[in-house]
C-alpha atoms as a PDB file:
ATOM      1  CA  MET A   1      21.630 -15.840   5.369  1.00  0.00           C
ATOM      2  CA  GLY A   2      23.914 -14.238   2.369  1.00  0.00           C
ATOM      3  CA  GLU A   3      20.487 -13.333   0.297  1.00  0.00           C
ATOM      4  CA  ASN A   4      19.702  -9.932  -0.837  1.00  0.00           C
ATOM      5  CA  PRO A   5      17.001  -8.236  -1.393  1.00  0.00           C
ATOM      6  CA  ILE A   6      15.158  -7.515  -4.701  1.00  0.00           C
ATOM      7  CA  TYR A   7      13.621  -4.175  -3.928  1.00  0.00           C
ATOM      8  CA  ILE A   8      13.922  -1.692  -0.800  1.00  0.00           C
ATOM      9  CA  GLU A   9      11.588   1.361  -0.029  1.00  0.00           C
ATOM     10  CA  GLY A  10      11.508   3.508   2.675  1.00  0.00           C
ATOM     11  CA  ILE A  11      15.075   3.683   3.838  1.00  0.00           C
ATOM     12  CA  ASP A  12      14.658   7.342   3.387  1.00  0.00           C
ATOM     13  CA  GLU A  13      11.893   8.089   5.236  1.00  0.00           C
ATOM     14  CA  GLY A  14      12.799   5.190   7.766  1.00  0.00           C
ATOM     15  CA  ARG A  15       8.831   4.957   8.924  1.00  0.00           C
ATOM     16  CA  TRP A  16       7.958   2.055   7.286  1.00  0.00           C
ATOM     17  CA  ILE A  17      10.716  -0.269   5.039  1.00  0.00           C
ATOM     18  CA  VAL A  18       9.792  -3.156   2.842  1.00  0.00           C
ATOM     19  CA  LEU A  19      12.412  -5.720   1.899  1.00  0.00           C
ATOM     20  CA  ASP A  20      11.153  -7.291  -0.940  1.00  0.00           C
ATOM     21  CA  TYR A  21      13.012 -11.143  -1.664  1.00  0.00           C
ATOM     22  CA  GLY A  22      10.597 -12.307  -3.888  1.00  0.00           C
ATOM     23  CA  ASP A  23      10.025 -14.933  -2.199  1.00  0.00           C
ATOM     24  CA  PHE A  24       9.325 -13.649   0.907  1.00  0.00           C
ATOM     25  CA  ILE A  25       8.755  -9.477   2.311  1.00  0.00           C
ATOM     26  CA  VAL A  26       9.729  -8.059   5.327  1.00  0.00           C
ATOM     27  CA  ASN A  27       8.006  -4.741   6.579  1.00  0.00           C
ATOM     28  CA  ILE A  28       9.672  -2.736   9.190  1.00  0.00           C
ATOM     29  CA  PHE A  29       8.132   0.010  10.747  1.00  0.00           C
ATOM     30  CA  LEU A  30       7.716   2.244  13.793  1.00  0.00           C
ATOM     31  CA  PRO A  31       5.180   0.908  16.618  1.00  0.00           C
ATOM     32  CA  GLU A  32       2.671   3.168  15.458  1.00  0.00           C
ATOM     33  CA  LEU A  33       2.121   2.541  12.370  1.00  0.00           C
ATOM     34  CA  ARG A  34       2.790  -1.354  13.345  1.00  0.00           C
ATOM     35  CA  GLU A  35      -1.001  -0.817  15.547  1.00  0.00           C
ATOM     36  CA  TYR A  36      -2.188   1.637  12.792  1.00  0.00           C
ATOM     37  CA  TYR A  37      -2.251  -0.782   9.292  1.00  0.00           C
ATOM     38  CA  ASN A  38      -2.600  -4.024  11.616  1.00  0.00           C
ATOM     39  CA  LEU A  39      -1.305  -6.192   9.187  1.00  0.00           C
ATOM     40  CA  GLU A  40      -0.988  -9.165  11.193  1.00  0.00           C
ATOM     41  CA  TRP A  41      -5.070  -9.317  11.032  1.00  0.00           C
ATOM     42  CA  LEU A  42      -4.733  -8.642   7.457  1.00  0.00           C
ATOM     43  CA  TRP A  43      -2.447 -11.998   7.044  1.00  0.00           C
ATOM     44  CA  SER A  44      -3.958 -13.618   9.804  1.00  0.00           C
ATOM     45  CA  ASP A  45      -5.255 -16.398   7.548  1.00  0.00           C
ATOM     46  CA  ALA A  46      -1.490 -17.000   6.375  1.00  0.00           C
ATOM     47  CA  LYS A  47       0.641 -19.721   7.206  1.00  0.00           C
ATOM     48  CA  ARG A  48       3.232 -18.608   9.881  1.00  0.00           C
ATOM     49  CA  ILE A  49       6.966 -19.598   9.261  1.00  0.00           C
ATOM     50  CA  ASN A  50       9.633 -19.534  11.800  1.00  0.00           C
ATOM     51  CA  PRO A  51      12.363 -17.809  10.250  1.00  0.00           C
ATOM     52  CA  LYS A  52      15.132 -20.378  12.230  1.00  0.00           C
ATOM     53  CA  ASP A  53      13.168 -23.083   9.929  1.00  0.00           C
ATOM     54  CA  LEU A  54      14.173 -21.402   6.634  1.00  0.00           C
END
């Protein structure tokens, strides 16, 4: 979409990468870390947005 993140963390380790775009954050991580941290539960009451609608 032509946007660059304001901040990137975790590229060197590659286990959990965070891309901060200011208005939203993208988390990319290994399946076992995703299961362990269970961010879906943490944000379960947040409004879901389809990226195609942005």
